[in-house]
Amino acid sequence: MPQNPINDVNALTHIFGQLKQIINRGVDESGVVQTQAIDATGASRFKDGLMTPLGYARYASPSTSTLLSASPATGVTLPADATYMLLQAETQNIRWRDDGVAPAATEGMLLIAGDPGFWYSGNLAAFRFIQTAAGGVLRVSYYK
């Protein structure tokens, strides 16, 4: 029996609506991708003043599995009240895990160097990361 294209459109509309609630990306006038957290109601967590910045960290060349409580090259360690973070990999890709298990250069979730920031909310204390090749940098901004 042929598929009903209206059902396909409705399903896609629903999926896109759900994605919009998770993340909203736009491009500013200079061509830079802007990312902002969107809560379940569709409200911007920044615009509505619901997020408070708690600090920034730069981890340089994490060649072994590293926790956010480790001393960064620049900035602060994981603030106790942080519930969100914005992650960005530079120079080399970064792998991460949040289940308390150490990632490896070839195992774990992948942050691609140069991609726009990735929003994370979960067990920040269990978050571990490692570079996939020498020279990796992970930049982190913390929020509550």
N, C-alpha and C. Protein backbone atom coordinates (compact mmCIF):
# COMPACT_ATOMS: atom_id res chain seq x y z
N MET A 1 0.84 -1.17 0.00
CA MET A 1 0.00 0.00 0.00
C MET A 1 0.90 1.24 0.00
N PRO A 2 0.61 2.25 -0.86
CA PRO A 2 1.45 3.44 -0.92
C PRO A 2 1.35 4.26 0.37
N GLN A 3 2.45 4.92 0.69
CA GLN A 3 2.50 5.80 1.87
C GLN A 3 1.71 7.07 1.59
N ASN A 4 1.10 7.62 2.61
CA ASN A 4 0.38 8.88 2.50
C ASN A 4 1.39 10.01 2.72
N PRO A 5 1.67 10.83 1.69
CA PRO A 5 2.66 11.89 1.84
C PRO A 5 2.28 12.91 2.91
N ILE A 6 1.00 13.09 3.19
CA ILE A 6 0.58 14.02 4.25
C ILE A 6 1.09 13.54 5.60
N ASN A 7 1.03 12.23 5.86
CA ASN A 7 1.55 11.69 7.12
C ASN A 7 3.05 11.92 7.23
N ASP A 8 3.77 11.77 6.12
CA ASP A 8 5.21 12.01 6.12
C ASP A 8 5.52 13.46 6.45
N VAL A 9 4.78 14.39 5.88
CA VAL A 9 4.98 15.82 6.14
C VAL A 9 4.67 16.13 7.60
N ASN A 10 3.57 15.57 8.11
CA ASN A 10 3.21 15.79 9.51
C ASN A 10 4.29 15.25 10.45
N ALA A 11 4.83 14.08 10.14
CA ALA A 11 5.89 13.50 10.97
C ALA A 11 7.14 14.37 10.95
N LEU A 12 7.52 14.85 9.76
CA LEU A 12 8.69 15.72 9.66
C LEU A 12 8.47 17.04 10.38
N THR A 13 7.28 17.60 10.27
CA THR A 13 6.96 18.84 10.97
C THR A 13 7.10 18.65 12.48
N HIS A 14 6.62 17.53 12.98
CA HIS A 14 6.73 17.23 14.41
C HIS A 14 8.20 17.10 14.82
N ILE A 15 8.98 16.36 14.05
CA ILE A 15 10.40 16.16 14.36
C ILE A 15 11.13 17.50 14.37
N PHE A 16 10.91 18.32 13.36
CA PHE A 16 11.58 19.62 13.31
C PHE A 16 11.16 20.51 14.47
N GLY A 17 9.89 20.42 14.87
CA GLY A 17 9.43 21.18 16.03
C GLY A 17 10.15 20.75 17.30
N GLN A 18 10.36 19.44 17.46
CA GLN A 18 11.08 18.93 18.62
C GLN A 18 12.54 19.38 18.60
N LEU A 19 13.17 19.31 17.44
CA LEU A 19 14.56 19.76 17.33
C LEU A 19 14.69 21.24 17.67
N LYS A 20 13.74 22.03 17.23
CA LYS A 20 13.78 23.47 17.52
C LYS A 20 13.75 23.73 19.02
N GLN A 21 13.03 22.89 19.76
CA GLN A 21 12.98 23.05 21.21
C GLN A 21 14.32 22.71 21.86
N ILE A 22 15.08 21.86 21.23
CA ILE A 22 16.37 21.45 21.80
C ILE A 22 17.45 22.48 21.50
N ILE A 23 17.52 22.91 20.27
CA ILE A 23 18.58 23.86 19.90
C ILE A 23 18.10 24.77 18.78
N ASN A 24 18.55 26.00 18.83
CA ASN A 24 18.18 26.98 17.81
C ASN A 24 19.46 27.60 17.31
N ARG A 25 19.74 27.44 16.03
CA ARG A 25 20.95 28.01 15.46
C ARG A 25 20.58 29.05 14.42
N GLY A 26 21.34 30.11 14.38
CA GLY A 26 21.16 31.15 13.39
C GLY A 26 22.52 31.66 12.96
N VAL A 27 22.53 32.46 11.95
CA VAL A 27 23.77 33.05 11.47
C VAL A 27 23.64 34.56 11.58
N ASP A 28 24.62 35.19 12.25
CA ASP A 28 24.55 36.64 12.39
C ASP A 28 25.01 37.31 11.11
N GLU A 29 24.97 38.65 11.10
CA GLU A 29 25.28 39.39 9.88
C GLU A 29 26.72 39.19 9.38
N SER A 30 27.62 38.73 10.27
CA SER A 30 29.00 38.49 9.84
C SER A 30 29.22 37.05 9.37
N GLY A 31 28.16 36.24 9.41
CA GLY A 31 28.27 34.86 8.94
C GLY A 31 28.67 33.88 10.02
N VAL A 32 28.76 34.33 11.29
CA VAL A 32 29.13 33.45 12.40
C VAL A 32 27.89 32.73 12.90
N VAL A 33 28.02 31.41 13.09
CA VAL A 33 26.90 30.63 13.61
C VAL A 33 26.70 30.98 15.07
N GLN A 34 25.48 31.34 15.42
CA GLN A 34 25.13 31.66 16.80
C GLN A 34 24.27 30.51 17.33
N THR A 35 24.55 30.04 18.54
CA THR A 35 23.81 28.94 19.13
C THR A 35 23.27 29.40 20.47
N GLN A 36 22.04 29.04 20.75
CA GLN A 36 21.48 29.37 22.05
C GLN A 36 20.65 28.21 22.56
N ALA A 37 20.65 28.00 23.86
CA ALA A 37 19.87 26.92 24.46
C ALA A 37 18.39 27.28 24.42
N ILE A 38 17.58 26.30 24.10
CA ILE A 38 16.13 26.47 24.06
C ILE A 38 15.53 25.49 25.06
N ASP A 39 14.65 25.97 25.95
CA ASP A 39 14.04 25.06 26.92
C ASP A 39 12.81 24.39 26.32
N ALA A 40 12.12 23.57 27.11
CA ALA A 40 10.99 22.77 26.61
C ALA A 40 9.84 23.63 26.13
N THR A 41 9.74 24.88 26.57
CA THR A 41 8.66 25.76 26.13
C THR A 41 9.02 26.49 24.84
N GLY A 42 10.27 26.35 24.40
CA GLY A 42 10.73 27.05 23.21
C GLY A 42 11.37 28.39 23.52
N ALA A 43 11.49 28.74 24.80
CA ALA A 43 12.09 30.01 25.20
C ALA A 43 13.61 29.92 25.19
N SER A 44 14.25 30.98 24.76
CA SER A 44 15.71 31.03 24.79
C SER A 44 16.17 31.16 26.23
N ARG A 45 17.10 30.30 26.65
CA ARG A 45 17.60 30.34 28.02
C ARG A 45 18.44 31.60 28.25
N PHE A 46 19.02 32.18 27.20
CA PHE A 46 19.80 33.41 27.36
C PHE A 46 18.90 34.63 27.32
N LYS A 47 18.10 34.73 26.28
CA LYS A 47 17.25 35.91 26.08
C LYS A 47 16.37 36.17 27.29
N ASP A 48 15.85 35.10 27.88
CA ASP A 48 14.94 35.24 29.01
C ASP A 48 15.68 35.35 30.34
N GLY A 49 17.00 35.40 30.31
CA GLY A 49 17.79 35.57 31.51
C GLY A 49 17.78 34.36 32.42
N LEU A 50 17.54 33.18 31.89
CA LEU A 50 17.45 31.99 32.70
C LEU A 50 18.79 31.29 32.92
N MET A 51 19.82 31.68 32.19
CA MET A 51 21.14 31.06 32.35
C MET A 51 22.12 32.10 32.90
N THR A 52 22.96 31.65 33.81
CA THR A 52 23.97 32.52 34.40
C THR A 52 25.34 31.95 34.07
N PRO A 53 26.22 32.74 33.44
CA PRO A 53 27.58 32.26 33.17
C PRO A 53 28.34 32.04 34.47
N LEU A 54 29.10 30.94 34.54
CA LEU A 54 29.85 30.61 35.75
C LEU A 54 31.36 30.57 35.52
N GLY A 55 31.80 30.64 34.29
CA GLY A 55 33.23 30.61 34.03
C GLY A 55 33.58 29.91 32.74
N TYR A 56 34.84 29.97 32.43
CA TYR A 56 35.39 29.46 31.17
C TYR A 56 36.65 28.67 31.48
N ALA A 57 36.93 27.66 30.66
CA ALA A 57 38.17 26.89 30.79
C ALA A 57 38.68 26.50 29.41
N ARG A 58 40.00 26.43 29.30
CA ARG A 58 40.65 25.90 28.09
C ARG A 58 41.57 24.78 28.52
N TYR A 59 41.29 23.59 27.99
CA TYR A 59 42.13 22.42 28.26
C TYR A 59 42.98 22.17 27.03
N ALA A 60 44.29 22.23 27.18
CA ALA A 60 45.22 22.08 26.06
C ALA A 60 45.84 20.69 26.06
N SER A 61 45.82 20.04 24.93
CA SER A 61 46.46 18.73 24.71
C SER A 61 46.10 17.69 25.76
N PRO A 62 44.80 17.42 25.96
CA PRO A 62 44.42 16.38 26.93
C PRO A 62 44.72 14.98 26.37
N SER A 63 45.94 14.50 26.63
CA SER A 63 46.39 13.24 26.03
C SER A 63 45.97 12.01 26.83
N THR A 64 45.43 12.21 28.03
CA THR A 64 44.84 11.12 28.81
C THR A 64 43.41 11.54 29.15
N SER A 65 42.60 10.57 29.53
CA SER A 65 41.22 10.86 29.90
C SER A 65 41.22 11.89 31.03
N THR A 66 40.49 12.99 30.83
CA THR A 66 40.53 14.13 31.75
C THR A 66 39.13 14.48 32.23
N LEU A 67 39.01 14.75 33.53
CA LEU A 67 37.76 15.23 34.11
C LEU A 67 37.74 16.75 34.10
N LEU A 68 36.56 17.35 34.16
CA LEU A 68 36.45 18.80 34.20
C LEU A 68 36.94 19.38 35.52
N SER A 69 37.15 18.53 36.52
CA SER A 69 37.70 18.98 37.79
C SER A 69 39.22 19.11 37.74
N ALA A 70 39.84 18.65 36.64
CA ALA A 70 41.29 18.81 36.46
C ALA A 70 41.62 20.27 36.18
N SER A 71 42.81 20.69 36.51
CA SER A 71 43.22 22.08 36.29
C SER A 71 43.36 22.35 34.80
N PRO A 72 42.63 23.34 34.28
CA PRO A 72 42.76 23.69 32.86
C PRO A 72 44.00 24.54 32.63
N ALA A 73 44.42 24.68 31.38
CA ALA A 73 45.53 25.56 31.03
C ALA A 73 45.16 27.01 31.34
N THR A 74 43.90 27.34 31.14
CA THR A 74 43.36 28.68 31.41
C THR A 74 41.97 28.53 32.00
N GLY A 75 41.62 29.37 32.95
CA GLY A 75 40.25 29.41 33.45
C GLY A 75 40.01 28.61 34.70
N VAL A 76 38.75 28.22 34.89
CA VAL A 76 38.30 27.59 36.13
C VAL A 76 38.02 26.10 35.93
N THR A 77 38.09 25.36 37.04
CA THR A 77 37.64 23.97 37.01
C THR A 77 36.11 23.97 37.10
N LEU A 78 35.52 22.81 36.99
CA LEU A 78 34.06 22.67 36.99
C LEU A 78 33.44 23.33 38.23
N PRO A 79 32.63 24.39 38.02
CA PRO A 79 31.94 25.00 39.16
C PRO A 79 30.91 24.03 39.74
N ALA A 80 30.79 24.00 41.06
CA ALA A 80 29.90 23.05 41.74
C ALA A 80 28.45 23.20 41.31
N ASP A 81 28.01 24.42 40.97
CA ASP A 81 26.61 24.63 40.63
C ASP A 81 26.33 24.66 39.13
N ALA A 82 27.31 24.29 38.30
CA ALA A 82 27.10 24.26 36.85
C ALA A 82 26.14 23.14 36.47
N THR A 83 25.21 23.46 35.58
CA THR A 83 24.26 22.45 35.08
C THR A 83 24.30 22.32 33.56
N TYR A 84 24.91 23.30 32.89
CA TYR A 84 25.05 23.29 31.43
C TYR A 84 26.49 23.66 31.09
N MET A 85 26.92 23.25 29.91
CA MET A 85 28.18 23.75 29.40
C MET A 85 28.14 23.79 27.88
N LEU A 86 28.89 24.73 27.35
CA LEU A 86 29.06 24.87 25.91
C LEU A 86 30.48 24.41 25.61
N LEU A 87 30.61 23.41 24.74
CA LEU A 87 31.91 22.80 24.43
C LEU A 87 32.30 23.12 22.99
N GLN A 88 33.60 23.33 22.78
CA GLN A 88 34.09 23.50 21.43
C GLN A 88 35.50 22.92 21.33
N ALA A 89 35.70 22.08 20.32
CA ALA A 89 37.02 21.49 20.06
C ALA A 89 37.75 22.35 19.03
N GLU A 90 39.05 22.53 19.26
CA GLU A 90 39.89 23.27 18.30
C GLU A 90 41.10 22.43 17.95
N THR A 91 41.62 22.66 16.78
CA THR A 91 42.86 22.07 16.26
C THR A 91 42.72 20.59 15.95
N GLN A 92 42.32 19.79 16.94
CA GLN A 92 42.10 18.35 16.76
C GLN A 92 40.74 17.99 17.35
N ASN A 93 40.18 16.88 16.88
CA ASN A 93 38.92 16.40 17.43
C ASN A 93 39.11 15.96 18.88
N ILE A 94 38.01 15.97 19.63
CA ILE A 94 38.00 15.55 21.02
C ILE A 94 36.94 14.46 21.17
N ARG A 95 37.26 13.41 21.92
CA ARG A 95 36.27 12.38 22.25
C ARG A 95 35.86 12.54 23.71
N TRP A 96 34.58 12.23 24.01
CA TRP A 96 34.10 12.37 25.37
C TRP A 96 33.13 11.26 25.73
N ARG A 97 33.03 11.03 27.04
CA ARG A 97 32.03 10.12 27.60
C ARG A 97 31.52 10.75 28.89
N ASP A 98 30.27 10.47 29.21
CA ASP A 98 29.69 11.01 30.44
C ASP A 98 29.15 9.92 31.36
N ASP A 99 29.58 8.68 31.12
CA ASP A 99 29.13 7.56 31.94
C ASP A 99 30.18 7.16 32.98
N GLY A 100 31.20 7.99 33.16
CA GLY A 100 32.24 7.71 34.13
C GLY A 100 33.36 6.83 33.59
N VAL A 101 33.20 6.33 32.37
CA VAL A 101 34.22 5.49 31.74
C VAL A 101 35.15 6.38 30.93
N ALA A 102 36.43 6.09 30.98
CA ALA A 102 37.42 6.89 30.25
C ALA A 102 37.27 6.72 28.74
N PRO A 103 37.17 7.82 28.00
CA PRO A 103 37.20 7.71 26.54
C PRO A 103 38.62 7.43 26.07
N ALA A 104 38.75 7.03 24.84
CA ALA A 104 40.06 6.83 24.21
C ALA A 104 40.08 7.63 22.93
N ALA A 105 41.23 7.76 22.33
CA ALA A 105 41.35 8.53 21.09
C ALA A 105 40.45 7.98 19.98
N THR A 106 40.07 6.70 20.09
CA THR A 106 39.23 6.08 19.07
C THR A 106 37.88 5.62 19.62
N GLU A 107 37.57 5.96 20.86
CA GLU A 107 36.33 5.49 21.48
C GLU A 107 35.67 6.61 22.28
N GLY A 108 34.39 6.81 22.08
CA GLY A 108 33.63 7.84 22.77
C GLY A 108 32.91 8.71 21.76
N MET A 109 32.13 9.64 22.25
CA MET A 109 31.41 10.58 21.39
C MET A 109 32.42 11.57 20.83
N LEU A 110 32.19 12.03 19.60
CA LEU A 110 33.17 12.85 18.90
C LEU A 110 32.73 14.31 18.80
N LEU A 111 33.60 15.21 19.24
CA LEU A 111 33.46 16.65 18.97
C LEU A 111 34.42 16.97 17.84
N ILE A 112 33.91 17.49 16.76
CA ILE A 112 34.74 17.80 15.59
C ILE A 112 35.37 19.17 15.76
N ALA A 113 36.68 19.24 15.59
CA ALA A 113 37.40 20.51 15.70
C ALA A 113 36.83 21.52 14.70
N GLY A 114 36.54 22.72 15.19
CA GLY A 114 36.04 23.78 14.34
C GLY A 114 34.53 23.83 14.20
N ASP A 115 33.81 22.79 14.67
CA ASP A 115 32.35 22.83 14.62
C ASP A 115 31.84 23.88 15.59
N PRO A 116 30.61 24.36 15.37
CA PRO A 116 30.02 25.30 16.34
C PRO A 116 29.94 24.64 17.72
N GLY A 117 29.76 25.43 18.74
CA GLY A 117 29.68 24.91 20.09
C GLY A 117 28.60 23.86 20.26
N PHE A 118 28.85 22.92 21.16
CA PHE A 118 27.93 21.83 21.47
C PHE A 118 27.43 22.02 22.90
N TRP A 119 26.12 22.14 23.08
CA TRP A 119 25.53 22.30 24.41
C TRP A 119 25.40 20.95 25.07
N TYR A 120 25.79 20.88 26.34
CA TYR A 120 25.69 19.64 27.11
C TYR A 120 25.05 19.93 28.45
N SER A 121 24.11 19.09 28.84
CA SER A 121 23.52 19.12 30.17
C SER A 121 23.38 17.67 30.61
N GLY A 122 23.99 17.34 31.71
CA GLY A 122 23.97 15.97 32.21
C GLY A 122 24.85 15.92 33.44
N ASN A 123 25.44 14.77 33.68
CA ASN A 123 26.32 14.62 34.84
C ASN A 123 27.69 15.20 34.52
N LEU A 124 27.85 16.49 34.76
CA LEU A 124 29.11 17.17 34.43
C LEU A 124 30.28 16.61 35.21
N ALA A 125 30.05 16.12 36.42
CA ALA A 125 31.14 15.57 37.25
C ALA A 125 31.69 14.27 36.66
N ALA A 126 30.90 13.55 35.87
CA ALA A 126 31.35 12.30 35.26
C ALA A 126 31.90 12.50 33.85
N PHE A 127 31.80 13.73 33.32
CA PHE A 127 32.22 14.03 31.95
C PHE A 127 33.74 13.92 31.83
N ARG A 128 34.21 13.08 30.90
CA ARG A 128 35.64 12.88 30.64
C ARG A 128 35.90 13.11 29.16
N PHE A 129 37.09 13.59 28.84
CA PHE A 129 37.42 13.87 27.44
C PHE A 129 38.89 13.60 27.18
N ILE A 130 39.22 13.46 25.88
CA ILE A 130 40.59 13.19 25.44
C ILE A 130 40.73 13.67 24.00
N GLN A 131 41.91 14.12 23.63
CA GLN A 131 42.16 14.51 22.24
C GLN A 131 42.31 13.26 21.38
N THR A 132 41.99 13.37 20.09
CA THR A 132 42.15 12.23 19.19
C THR A 132 43.53 12.22 18.54
N ALA A 133 44.22 13.36 18.57
CA ALA A 133 45.58 13.49 18.04
C ALA A 133 46.26 14.64 18.78
N ALA A 134 47.56 14.66 18.74
CA ALA A 134 48.32 15.68 19.48
C ALA A 134 47.90 17.10 19.10
N GLY A 135 47.85 17.97 20.09
CA GLY A 135 47.55 19.38 19.85
C GLY A 135 46.10 19.77 20.01
N GLY A 136 45.26 18.85 20.50
CA GLY A 136 43.84 19.15 20.68
C GLY A 136 43.61 20.17 21.79
N VAL A 137 42.56 20.96 21.63
CA VAL A 137 42.16 21.95 22.62
C VAL A 137 40.65 21.83 22.82
N LEU A 138 40.22 21.80 24.10
CA LEU A 138 38.80 21.82 24.42
C LEU A 138 38.52 23.11 25.16
N ARG A 139 37.55 23.88 24.65
CA ARG A 139 37.12 25.11 25.31
C ARG A 139 35.74 24.85 25.91
N VAL A 140 35.55 25.31 27.15
CA VAL A 140 34.32 25.05 27.90
C VAL A 140 33.83 26.33 28.55
N SER A 141 32.56 26.64 28.38
CA SER A 141 31.91 27.71 29.13
C SER A 141 30.83 27.07 29.98
N TYR A 142 30.83 27.41 31.27
CA TYR A 142 29.90 26.82 32.24
C TYR A 142 28.75 27.76 32.54
N TYR A 143 27.55 27.18 32.78
CA TYR A 143 26.35 27.95 33.07
C TYR A 143 25.50 27.22 34.10
N LYS A 144 24.63 27.99 34.76
CA LYS A 144 23.59 27.37 35.59
C LYS A 144 22.26 27.98 35.22
